[in-house]
């Protein structure tokens, strides 16, 4: 598998605070990678390191196979666009003039492509309206357009839907999916709105205290979160043998707990277990979403 980004035991320390503590992750080419973590977990710190706004105190990372310690990293970064925390736009300029300014900053020879870019993000009809009069969603889309000015194939978005109304969230979601599917842009999204992230991401990285605690595909997450019946019994060894005889899929969680992935004739199951001196203590339906999966994975009261 090709990877746009790989980090290897990446560390960042601010005096007494360890923001990143041996972070290792891989972002596959073509993915929409959901970067999930609490406030202070290290998400924005990583993004700042990738953008060259700060430097690591240990470990390293690669963009398109180029290490951050090599001179070629500057060229590799030109293949990347980013919106870090809030869009960097000029409030007294129109959307078109904002993009022209970004083109100048990048040293582009002309302004070809600006109209297509405005159309791509849905701002082609804003005319002479200045950015300070844009809605929050329009400002976010303009920020993404500015990040796209250099024709990157890797886009980093830090909390792209934070504070948006429902319509704005839908517009950003559709734009991200369009960029990924039609423009084949790999996207790394840091977001605390986990329900929305689950509508986008093809891969996930869960970060806690500066470390990646788990990486998985959307398919793997769906398997982990699918509906089941969580059973508590006196002996899951006996339960496993009975379920095997019944041809039922299950997962043993401990000596007394198991998840069963099927509709069962529970009276027949209880009788079969009783005959083998195994008592059913409790049964309850269990259906995790991304948020509950994350909380169970790293603990705590939620994510940022």
C-alpha atoms as a PDB file:
ATOM      1  CA  UNK A   1       0.000   0.000   0.000  1.00  0.00           C
ATOM      2  CA  UNK A   2       1.193   3.504  -0.858  1.00  0.00           C
ATOM      3  CA  UNK A   3       1.244   6.044   1.950  1.00  0.00           C
ATOM      4  CA  UNK A   4       1.113   9.823   1.629  1.00  0.00           C
ATOM      5  CA  UNK A   5       2.226  10.301   5.234  1.00  0.00           C
ATOM      6  CA  UNK A   6       4.155   8.121   7.658  1.00  0.00           C
ATOM      7  CA  UNK A   7       5.341   9.169  11.101  1.00  0.00           C
ATOM      8  CA  UNK A   8       7.889   7.248  13.134  1.00  0.00           C
ATOM      9  CA  UNK A   9       7.997   7.693  16.926  1.00  0.00           C
ATOM     10  CA  UNK A  10       7.346  11.411  16.452  1.00  0.00           C
ATOM     11  CA  UNK A  11       7.828  13.553  19.577  1.00  0.00           C
ATOM     12  CA  UNK A  12       7.196  17.192  20.412  1.00  0.00           C
ATOM     13  CA  UNK A  13       7.925  18.631  23.831  1.00  0.00           C
ATOM     14  CA  UNK A  14       7.118  22.126  25.114  1.00  0.00           C
ATOM     15  CA  UNK A  15       9.210  22.603  28.249  1.00  0.00           C
ATOM     16  CA  UNK A  16       7.359  20.375  30.749  1.00  0.00           C
ATOM     17  CA  UNK A  17       4.545  19.294  28.416  1.00  0.00           C
ATOM     18  CA  UNK A  18       4.915  16.313  26.078  1.00  0.00           C
ATOM     19  CA  UNK A  19       2.482  17.049  23.235  1.00  0.00           C
ATOM     20  CA  UNK A  20       3.538  14.098  21.035  1.00  0.00           C
ATOM     21  CA  UNK A  21       5.029  11.013  22.658  1.00  0.00           C
ATOM     22  CA  UNK A  22       6.296   8.545  20.061  1.00  0.00           C
ATOM     23  CA  UNK A  23       3.425   8.966  17.611  1.00  0.00           C
ATOM     24  CA  UNK A  24       3.456   6.468  14.739  1.00  0.00           C
ATOM     25  CA  UNK A  25       0.784   6.560  12.046  1.00  0.00           C
ATOM     26  CA  UNK A  26       0.240   5.916   8.329  1.00  0.00           C
ATOM     27  CA  UNK A  27      -2.151   7.745   5.989  1.00  0.00           C
ATOM     28  CA  UNK A  28      -2.878   5.672   2.854  1.00  0.00           C
ATOM     29  CA  UNK A  29      -2.921   7.349  -0.537  1.00  0.00           C
ATOM     30  CA  UNK A  30      -6.500   8.144  -1.595  1.00  0.00           C
ATOM     31  CA  UNK A  31      -7.900   7.906   1.938  1.00  0.00           C
ATOM     32  CA  UNK A  32     -10.090  10.236   3.941  1.00  0.00           C
ATOM     33  CA  UNK A  33      -8.300   9.770   7.238  1.00  0.00           C
ATOM     34  CA  UNK A  34     -10.259  10.714  10.353  1.00  0.00           C
ATOM     35  CA  UNK A  35      -7.904  11.912  13.088  1.00  0.00           C
ATOM     36  CA  UNK A  36      -9.740  11.491  16.399  1.00  0.00           C
ATOM     37  CA  UNK A  37      -8.654  12.684  19.839  1.00  0.00           C
ATOM     38  CA  UNK A  38      -9.520  14.770  22.876  1.00  0.00           C
ATOM     39  CA  UNK A  39      -8.442  18.366  23.437  1.00  0.00           C
ATOM     40  CA  UNK A  40      -4.716  18.340  24.121  1.00  0.00           C
ATOM     41  CA  UNK A  41      -4.240  14.863  22.620  1.00  0.00           C
ATOM     42  CA  UNK A  42      -1.776  16.236  20.054  1.00  0.00           C
ATOM     43  CA  UNK A  43      -3.818  16.563  16.842  1.00  0.00           C
ATOM     44  CA  UNK A  44      -3.069  20.206  16.046  1.00  0.00           C
ATOM     45  CA  UNK A  45       0.551  19.790  17.162  1.00  0.00           C
ATOM     46  CA  UNK A  46       1.025  17.058  14.560  1.00  0.00           C
ATOM     47  CA  UNK A  47      -0.566  19.209  11.861  1.00  0.00           C
ATOM     48  CA  UNK A  48       1.737  22.115  12.717  1.00  0.00           C
ATOM     49  CA  UNK A  49       4.774  19.838  12.436  1.00  0.00           C
ATOM     50  CA  UNK A  50       3.626  18.531   9.049  1.00  0.00           C
ATOM     51  CA  UNK A  51       3.153  22.086   7.765  1.00  0.00           C
ATOM     52  CA  UNK A  52       6.587  23.175   8.963  1.00  0.00           C
ATOM     53  CA  UNK A  53       5.160  25.665  11.463  1.00  0.00           C
ATOM     54  CA  UNK A  54       7.006  23.865  14.250  1.00  0.00           C
ATOM     55  CA  UNK A  55       9.709  21.223  14.454  1.00  0.00           C
ATOM     56  CA  UNK A  56       9.781  17.831  16.203  1.00  0.00           C
ATOM     57  CA  UNK A  57      11.976  17.177  19.227  1.00  0.00           C
ATOM     58  CA  UNK A  58      12.267  13.486  18.401  1.00  0.00           C
ATOM     59  CA  UNK A  59      11.388  10.919  15.750  1.00  0.00           C
ATOM     60  CA  UNK A  60      10.633  11.830  12.152  1.00  0.00           C
ATOM     61  CA  UNK A  61       7.975  11.766   9.454  1.00  0.00           C
ATOM     62  CA  UNK A  62       7.776  11.235   5.700  1.00  0.00           C
ATOM     63  CA  UNK A  63       5.681  13.006   3.083  1.00  0.00           C
ATOM     64  CA  UNK A  64       5.586  11.030  -0.154  1.00  0.00           C
ATOM     65  CA  UNK A  65       8.637   9.107   1.008  1.00  0.00           C
ATOM     66  CA  UNK A  66      10.662  12.263   1.773  1.00  0.00           C
ATOM     67  CA  UNK A  67      11.866  12.590   5.378  1.00  0.00           C
ATOM     68  CA  UNK A  68      11.383  15.859   7.212  1.00  0.00           C
ATOM     69  CA  UNK A  69      15.159  16.038   7.733  1.00  0.00           C
ATOM     70  CA  UNK A  70      15.848  16.149   3.974  1.00  0.00           C
ATOM     71  CA  UNK A  71      16.019  19.352   1.942  1.00  0.00           C
ATOM     72  CA  UNK A  72      13.497  17.893  -0.486  1.00  0.00           C
ATOM     73  CA  UNK A  73      10.802  18.145   2.215  1.00  0.00           C
ATOM     74  CA  UNK A  74      10.118  21.698   1.037  1.00  0.00           C
ATOM     75  CA  UNK A  75       9.172  20.393  -2.415  1.00  0.00           C
ATOM     76  CA  UNK A  76       7.122  17.594  -0.868  1.00  0.00           C
ATOM     77  CA  UNK A  77       5.178  20.140   1.189  1.00  0.00           C
ATOM     78  CA  UNK A  78       4.190  21.939  -2.018  1.00  0.00           C
ATOM     79  CA  UNK A  79       2.062  18.870  -2.765  1.00  0.00           C
ATOM     80  CA  UNK A  80       0.146  19.510   0.462  1.00  0.00           C
ATOM     81  CA  UNK A  81      -2.527  22.069   1.297  1.00  0.00           C
ATOM     82  CA  UNK A  82      -3.804  22.807   4.793  1.00  0.00           C
ATOM     83  CA  UNK A  83      -6.375  24.746   6.775  1.00  0.00           C
ATOM     84  CA  UNK A  84      -5.045  24.894  10.334  1.00  0.00           C
ATOM     85  CA  UNK A  85      -7.523  25.866  13.072  1.00  0.00           C
ATOM     86  CA  UNK A  86      -9.192  28.812  11.226  1.00  0.00           C
ATOM     87  CA  UNK A  87      -9.037  29.750   7.513  1.00  0.00           C
ATOM     88  CA  UNK A  88      -6.355  32.363   6.741  1.00  0.00           C
ATOM     89  CA  UNK A  89      -8.323  34.742   4.548  1.00  0.00           C
ATOM     90  CA  UNK A  90      -8.274  38.465   3.884  1.00  0.00           C
ATOM     91  CA  UNK A  91     -11.630  39.781   5.182  1.00  0.00           C
ATOM     92  CA  UNK A  92     -11.662  42.959   3.061  1.00  0.00           C
ATOM     93  CA  UNK A  93     -11.063  41.091  -0.200  1.00  0.00           C
ATOM     94  CA  UNK A  94     -13.446  39.199  -2.451  1.00  0.00           C
ATOM     95  CA  UNK A  95     -13.127  35.450  -2.851  1.00  0.00           C
ATOM     96  CA  UNK A  96     -11.442  35.925  -6.220  1.00  0.00           C
ATOM     97  CA  UNK A  97      -8.966  38.482  -4.870  1.00  0.00           C
ATOM     98  CA  UNK A  98      -8.156  36.177  -1.939  1.00  0.00           C
ATOM     99  CA  UNK A  99      -7.232  33.446  -4.381  1.00  0.00           C
ATOM    100  CA  UNK A 100      -5.203  35.854  -6.535  1.00  0.00           C
ATOM    101  CA  UNK A 101      -3.224  36.841  -3.451  1.00  0.00           C
ATOM    102  CA  UNK A 102      -2.592  33.189  -2.669  1.00  0.00           C
ATOM    103  CA  UNK A 103      -1.456  32.586  -6.262  1.00  0.00           C
ATOM    104  CA  UNK A 104       1.013  35.458  -5.916  1.00  0.00           C
ATOM    105  CA  UNK A 105       2.298  34.033  -2.663  1.00  0.00           C
ATOM    106  CA  UNK A 106       2.888  30.658  -4.336  1.00  0.00           C
ATOM    107  CA  UNK A 107       4.637  32.305  -7.302  1.00  0.00           C
ATOM    108  CA  UNK A 108       2.058  31.147  -9.844  1.00  0.00           C
ATOM    109  CA  UNK A 109       2.746  32.646 -13.312  1.00  0.00           C
ATOM    110  CA  UNK A 110      -0.898  33.602 -13.940  1.00  0.00           C
ATOM    111  CA  UNK A 111      -4.404  33.392 -12.502  1.00  0.00           C
ATOM    112  CA  UNK A 112      -5.599  30.545 -14.715  1.00  0.00           C
ATOM    113  CA  UNK A 113      -7.689  28.119 -12.743  1.00  0.00           C
ATOM    114  CA  UNK A 114      -9.152  30.582 -10.207  1.00  0.00           C
ATOM    115  CA  UNK A 115     -12.642  30.553 -11.746  1.00  0.00           C
ATOM    116  CA  UNK A 116     -12.650  26.750 -11.828  1.00  0.00           C
ATOM    117  CA  UNK A 117     -11.491  26.690  -8.212  1.00  0.00           C
ATOM    118  CA  UNK A 118     -14.256  29.074  -7.112  1.00  0.00           C
ATOM    119  CA  UNK A 119     -16.790  26.887  -8.915  1.00  0.00           C
ATOM    120  CA  UNK A 120     -15.367  23.773  -7.266  1.00  0.00           C
ATOM    121  CA  UNK A 121     -15.995  25.169  -3.764  1.00  0.00           C
ATOM    122  CA  UNK A 122     -19.322  26.787  -4.670  1.00  0.00           C
ATOM    123  CA  UNK A 123     -18.213  30.449  -4.490  1.00  0.00           C
ATOM    124  CA  UNK A 124     -18.375  31.335  -8.179  1.00  0.00           C
ATOM    125  CA  UNK A 125     -21.323  33.717  -7.700  1.00  0.00           C
ATOM    126  CA  UNK A 126     -20.028  35.797  -4.773  1.00  0.00           C
ATOM    127  CA  UNK A 127     -18.955  38.664  -7.075  1.00  0.00           C
ATOM    128  CA  UNK A 128     -17.708  41.746  -5.237  1.00  0.00           C
ATOM    129  CA  UNK A 129     -18.907  40.579  -1.833  1.00  0.00           C
ATOM    130  CA  UNK A 130     -15.988  40.717   0.585  1.00  0.00           C
ATOM    131  CA  UNK A 131     -15.052  37.762   2.781  1.00  0.00           C
ATOM    132  CA  UNK A 132     -15.979  39.549   6.017  1.00  0.00           C
ATOM    133  CA  UNK A 133     -19.615  39.356   4.894  1.00  0.00           C
ATOM    134  CA  UNK A 134     -19.436  35.615   4.167  1.00  0.00           C
ATOM    135  CA  UNK A 135     -21.164  33.048   6.339  1.00  0.00           C
ATOM    136  CA  UNK A 136     -18.924  30.797   8.412  1.00  0.00           C
ATOM    137  CA  UNK A 137     -19.446  27.975   5.931  1.00  0.00           C
ATOM    138  CA  UNK A 138     -18.488  30.207   2.995  1.00  0.00           C
ATOM    139  CA  UNK A 139     -15.339  31.300   4.834  1.00  0.00           C
ATOM    140  CA  UNK A 140     -14.454  27.665   5.444  1.00  0.00           C
ATOM    141  CA  UNK A 141     -14.943  26.834   1.765  1.00  0.00           C
ATOM    142  CA  UNK A 142     -12.810  29.826   0.789  1.00  0.00           C
ATOM    143  CA  UNK A 143     -10.099  28.620   3.162  1.00  0.00           C
ATOM    144  CA  UNK A 144     -10.196  25.205   1.489  1.00  0.00           C
ATOM    145  CA  UNK A 145     -10.010  26.882  -1.936  1.00  0.00           C
ATOM    146  CA  UNK A 146      -6.895  28.751  -0.831  1.00  0.00           C
ATOM    147  CA  UNK A 147      -5.366  25.490   0.378  1.00  0.00           C
ATOM    148  CA  UNK A 148      -6.067  24.049  -3.087  1.00  0.00           C
ATOM    149  CA  UNK A 149      -4.339  26.861  -4.997  1.00  0.00           C
ATOM    150  CA  UNK A 150      -1.123  24.911  -5.459  1.00  0.00           C
ATOM    151  CA  UNK A 151      -2.980  21.866  -6.859  1.00  0.00           C
ATOM    152  CA  UNK A 152      -2.083  19.644  -3.865  1.00  0.00           C
ATOM    153  CA  UNK A 153      -2.882  15.960  -3.767  1.00  0.00           C
ATOM    154  CA  UNK A 154      -2.861  15.878   0.043  1.00  0.00           C
ATOM    155  CA  UNK A 155      -5.224  18.138   2.004  1.00  0.00           C
ATOM    156  CA  UNK A 156      -5.112  18.624   5.786  1.00  0.00           C
ATOM    157  CA  UNK A 157      -8.199  20.062   7.491  1.00  0.00           C
ATOM    158  CA  UNK A 158      -8.178  20.956  11.187  1.00  0.00           C
ATOM    159  CA  UNK A 159     -11.773  20.978  12.516  1.00  0.00           C
ATOM    160  CA  UNK A 160     -13.318  21.936   9.136  1.00  0.00           C
ATOM    161  CA  UNK A 161     -16.951  21.884  10.355  1.00  0.00           C
ATOM    162  CA  UNK A 162     -16.448  23.406  13.799  1.00  0.00           C
ATOM    163  CA  UNK A 163     -19.211  25.954  14.494  1.00  0.00           C
ATOM    164  CA  UNK A 164     -21.056  25.423  11.213  1.00  0.00           C
ATOM    165  CA  UNK A 165     -24.819  25.193  10.955  1.00  0.00           C
ATOM    166  CA  UNK A 166     -26.366  21.995   9.509  1.00  0.00           C
ATOM    167  CA  UNK A 167     -26.400  23.353   5.947  1.00  0.00           C
ATOM    168  CA  UNK A 168     -22.779  24.442   6.219  1.00  0.00           C
ATOM    169  CA  UNK A 169     -21.805  20.990   7.510  1.00  0.00           C
ATOM    170  CA  UNK A 170     -23.522  19.328   4.538  1.00  0.00           C
ATOM    171  CA  UNK A 171     -21.745  21.664   2.080  1.00  0.00           C
ATOM    172  CA  UNK A 172     -18.307  20.954   3.569  1.00  0.00           C
ATOM    173  CA  UNK A 173     -19.012  17.221   3.678  1.00  0.00           C
ATOM    174  CA  UNK A 174     -20.021  17.162   0.004  1.00  0.00           C
ATOM    175  CA  UNK A 175     -16.990  19.247  -0.947  1.00  0.00           C
ATOM    176  CA  UNK A 176     -14.575  16.913   0.862  1.00  0.00           C
ATOM    177  CA  UNK A 177     -16.135  13.850  -0.760  1.00  0.00           C
ATOM    178  CA  UNK A 178     -15.958  15.550  -4.179  1.00  0.00           C
ATOM    179  CA  UNK A 179     -12.288  16.443  -3.729  1.00  0.00           C
ATOM    180  CA  UNK A 180     -11.487  12.898  -2.674  1.00  0.00           C
ATOM    181  CA  UNK A 181     -13.506  11.038  -5.291  1.00  0.00           C
ATOM    182  CA  UNK A 182     -13.228  13.312  -8.324  1.00  0.00           C
ATOM    183  CA  UNK A 183      -9.895  15.060  -7.731  1.00  0.00           C
ATOM    184  CA  UNK A 184      -8.322  11.990  -6.051  1.00  0.00           C
ATOM    185  CA  UNK A 185      -7.029  14.121  -3.171  1.00  0.00           C
ATOM    186  CA  UNK A 186      -6.006  12.341   0.023  1.00  0.00           C
ATOM    187  CA  UNK A 187      -7.582  14.106   3.018  1.00  0.00           C
ATOM    188  CA  UNK A 188      -6.567  14.146   6.685  1.00  0.00           C
ATOM    189  CA  UNK A 189      -9.390  15.497   8.856  1.00  0.00           C
ATOM    190  CA  UNK A 190      -9.084  16.365  12.523  1.00  0.00           C
ATOM    191  CA  UNK A 191     -12.588  16.662  13.948  1.00  0.00           C
ATOM    192  CA  UNK A 192     -14.438  16.391  17.256  1.00  0.00           C
ATOM    193  CA  UNK A 193     -17.843  15.946  15.547  1.00  0.00           C
ATOM    194  CA  UNK A 194     -17.521  12.197  15.400  1.00  0.00           C
ATOM    195  CA  UNK A 195     -20.946  11.412  13.948  1.00  0.00           C
ATOM    196  CA  UNK A 196     -20.171  13.608  10.945  1.00  0.00           C
ATOM    197  CA  UNK A 197     -16.673  12.166  10.616  1.00  0.00           C
ATOM    198  CA  UNK A 198     -18.186   8.690  10.356  1.00  0.00           C
ATOM    199  CA  UNK A 199     -20.002   9.827   7.188  1.00  0.00           C
ATOM    200  CA  UNK A 200     -16.701  10.690   5.515  1.00  0.00           C
ATOM    201  CA  UNK A 201     -13.739   8.707   6.733  1.00  0.00           C
ATOM    202  CA  UNK A 202     -12.325   5.637   5.003  1.00  0.00           C
ATOM    203  CA  UNK A 203      -9.637   5.230   7.684  1.00  0.00           C
ATOM    204  CA  UNK A 204      -9.203   6.314  11.299  1.00  0.00           C
ATOM    205  CA  UNK A 205      -6.379   7.117  13.672  1.00  0.00           C
ATOM    206  CA  UNK A 206      -7.233   7.413  17.365  1.00  0.00           C
ATOM    207  CA  UNK A 207      -4.787   9.548  19.335  1.00  0.00           C
ATOM    208  CA  UNK A 208      -4.501   9.836  23.106  1.00  0.00           C
ATOM    209  CA  UNK A 209      -1.800  11.628  25.117  1.00  0.00           C
ATOM    210  CA  UNK A 210       0.356  12.124  22.045  1.00  0.00           C
ATOM    211  CA  UNK A 211       0.245   8.502  20.883  1.00  0.00           C
ATOM    212  CA  UNK A 212      -1.753   6.634  18.279  1.00  0.00           C
ATOM    213  CA  UNK A 213      -3.656   3.994  20.227  1.00  0.00           C
ATOM    214  CA  UNK A 214      -5.244   2.392  17.177  1.00  0.00           C
ATOM    215  CA  UNK A 215      -5.486   2.735  13.399  1.00  0.00           C
ATOM    216  CA  UNK A 216      -8.210   0.994  11.435  1.00  0.00           C
ATOM    217  CA  UNK A 217     -10.221   1.128   8.245  1.00  0.00           C
ATOM    218  CA  UNK A 218     -13.870   2.169   8.138  1.00  0.00           C
ATOM    219  CA  UNK A 219     -14.746  -1.460   7.437  1.00  0.00           C
ATOM    220  CA  UNK A 220     -12.895  -2.628  10.537  1.00  0.00           C
ATOM    221  CA  UNK A 221     -14.641   0.037  12.592  1.00  0.00           C
ATOM    222  CA  UNK A 222     -18.022  -1.027  11.228  1.00  0.00           C
ATOM    223  CA  UNK A 223     -17.302  -4.622  12.259  1.00  0.00           C
ATOM    224  CA  UNK A 224     -16.278  -3.434  15.727  1.00  0.00           C
ATOM    225  CA  UNK A 225     -19.417  -1.328  16.093  1.00  0.00           C
ATOM    226  CA  UNK A 226     -22.030  -3.648  14.616  1.00  0.00           C
ATOM    227  CA  UNK A 227     -25.107  -4.676  16.557  1.00  0.00           C
ATOM    228  CA  UNK A 228     -24.871  -7.646  18.855  1.00  0.00           C
ATOM    229  CA  UNK A 229     -26.225  -9.126  22.047  1.00  0.00           C
ATOM    230  CA  UNK A 230     -23.778  -8.866  24.919  1.00  0.00           C
ATOM    231  CA  UNK A 231     -24.156 -11.890  27.156  1.00  0.00           C
ATOM    232  CA  UNK A 232     -22.813 -12.352  30.660  1.00  0.00           C
ATOM    233  CA  UNK A 233     -22.587 -15.982  31.739  1.00  0.00           C
ATOM    234  CA  UNK A 234     -20.792 -17.983  34.396  1.00  0.00           C
ATOM    235  CA  UNK A 235     -18.502 -19.690  31.859  1.00  0.00           C
ATOM    236  CA  UNK A 236     -17.840 -18.386  28.336  1.00  0.00           C
ATOM    237  CA  UNK A 237     -15.949 -21.599  27.533  1.00  0.00           C
ATOM    238  CA  UNK A 238     -19.235 -23.480  27.753  1.00  0.00           C
ATOM    239  CA  UNK A 239     -21.038 -20.695  25.891  1.00  0.00           C
ATOM    240  CA  UNK A 240     -18.520 -20.909  23.036  1.00  0.00           C
ATOM    241  CA  UNK A 241     -19.053 -24.658  22.616  1.00  0.00           C
ATOM    242  CA  UNK A 242     -22.845 -24.276  22.586  1.00  0.00           C
ATOM    243  CA  UNK A 243     -22.715 -21.416  20.068  1.00  0.00           C
ATOM    244  CA  UNK A 244     -20.322 -23.406  17.876  1.00  0.00           C
ATOM    245  CA  UNK A 245     -22.843 -26.257  17.822  1.00  0.00           C
ATOM    246  CA  UNK A 246     -25.538 -23.752  16.799  1.00  0.00           C
ATOM    247  CA  UNK A 247     -23.339 -22.238  14.048  1.00  0.00           C
ATOM    248  CA  UNK A 248     -23.536 -18.746  15.542  1.00  0.00           C
ATOM    249  CA  UNK A 249     -20.880 -16.038  15.221  1.00  0.00           C
ATOM    250  CA  UNK A 250     -19.584 -14.627  18.508  1.00  0.00           C
ATOM    251  CA  UNK A 251     -16.643 -12.916  20.195  1.00  0.00           C
ATOM    252  CA  UNK A 252     -15.386 -13.861  23.652  1.00  0.00           C
ATOM    253  CA  UNK A 253     -14.590 -10.745  25.702  1.00  0.00           C
ATOM    254  CA  UNK A 254     -13.643 -12.336  29.031  1.00  0.00           C
ATOM    255  CA  UNK A 255     -14.265 -15.404  31.172  1.00  0.00           C
ATOM    256  CA  UNK A 256     -17.834 -14.219  31.707  1.00  0.00           C
ATOM    257  CA  UNK A 257     -18.744 -11.920  28.782  1.00  0.00           C
ATOM    258  CA  UNK A 258     -19.263 -12.422  25.052  1.00  0.00           C
ATOM    259  CA  UNK A 259     -20.852 -10.628  22.098  1.00  0.00           C
ATOM    260  CA  UNK A 260     -23.234 -12.709  19.984  1.00  0.00           C
ATOM    261  CA  UNK A 261     -23.874 -11.562  16.392  1.00  0.00           C
ATOM    262  CA  UNK A 262     -27.149 -13.260  15.577  1.00  0.00           C
ATOM    263  CA  UNK A 263     -30.799 -13.506  16.506  1.00  0.00           C
ATOM    264  CA  UNK A 264     -31.068 -16.489  18.791  1.00  0.00           C
ATOM    265  CA  UNK A 265     -33.792 -18.720  20.223  1.00  0.00           C
ATOM    266  CA  UNK A 266     -32.688 -17.689  23.698  1.00  0.00           C
ATOM    267  CA  UNK A 267     -34.919 -20.120  25.547  1.00  0.00           C
ATOM    268  CA  UNK A 268     -33.244 -23.001  23.676  1.00  0.00           C
ATOM    269  CA  UNK A 269     -29.819 -21.434  24.304  1.00  0.00           C
ATOM    270  CA  UNK A 270     -30.543 -21.027  28.035  1.00  0.00           C
ATOM    271  CA  UNK A 271     -31.647 -24.658  28.304  1.00  0.00           C
ATOM    272  CA  UNK A 272     -28.509 -25.878  26.466  1.00  0.00           C
ATOM    273  CA  UNK A 273     -26.286 -23.820  28.758  1.00  0.00           C
ATOM    274  CA  UNK A 274     -28.131 -24.979  31.864  1.00  0.00           C
ATOM    275  CA  UNK A 275     -27.591 -28.604  30.891  1.00  0.00           C
ATOM    276  CA  UNK A 276     -23.861 -27.865  30.950  1.00  0.00           C
ATOM    277  CA  UNK A 277     -24.048 -26.033  34.311  1.00  0.00           C
ATOM    278  CA  UNK A 278     -23.598 -22.598  32.756  1.00  0.00           C
ATOM    279  CA  UNK A 279     -25.953 -19.869  33.978  1.00  0.00           C
ATOM    280  CA  UNK A 280     -27.035 -16.812  31.966  1.00  0.00           C
ATOM    281  CA  UNK A 281     -26.586 -13.739  34.176  1.00  0.00           C
ATOM    282  CA  UNK A 282     -27.615 -10.994  31.748  1.00  0.00           C
ATOM    283  CA  UNK A 283     -28.274 -10.181  28.097  1.00  0.00           C
ATOM    284  CA  UNK A 284     -28.501  -6.740  26.483  1.00  0.00           C
ATOM    285  CA  UNK A 285     -28.445  -5.305  22.991  1.00  0.00           C
ATOM    286  CA  UNK A 286     -25.204  -3.531  22.205  1.00  0.00           C
ATOM    287  CA  UNK A 287     -24.686  -1.105  19.303  1.00  0.00           C
ATOM    288  CA  UNK A 288     -21.624   1.145  19.410  1.00  0.00           C
ATOM    289  CA  UNK A 289     -21.179   4.276  17.323  1.00  0.00           C
ATOM    290  CA  UNK A 290     -17.884   6.021  16.605  1.00  0.00           C
ATOM    291  CA  UNK A 291     -18.114   8.191  19.709  1.00  0.00           C
ATOM    292  CA  UNK A 292     -18.806   5.346  22.119  1.00  0.00           C
ATOM    293  CA  UNK A 293     -16.136   3.224  20.433  1.00  0.00           C
ATOM    294  CA  UNK A 294     -13.612   6.020  20.937  1.00  0.00           C
ATOM    295  CA  UNK A 295     -14.582   6.550  24.584  1.00  0.00           C
ATOM    296  CA  UNK A 296     -14.292   2.824  25.264  1.00  0.00           C
ATOM    297  CA  UNK A 297     -10.946   2.757  23.470  1.00  0.00           C
ATOM    298  CA  UNK A 298      -9.208   5.587  25.334  1.00  0.00           C
ATOM    299  CA  UNK A 299     -11.525   6.280  28.303  1.00  0.00           C
ATOM    300  CA  UNK A 300     -12.722   9.680  29.458  1.00  0.00           C
ATOM    301  CA  UNK A 301     -15.809  11.762  29.021  1.00  0.00           C
ATOM    302  CA  UNK A 302     -15.603  12.289  25.297  1.00  0.00           C
ATOM    303  CA  UNK A 303     -13.471  13.799  22.599  1.00  0.00           C
ATOM    304  CA  UNK A 304     -12.658  17.308  21.405  1.00  0.00           C
END
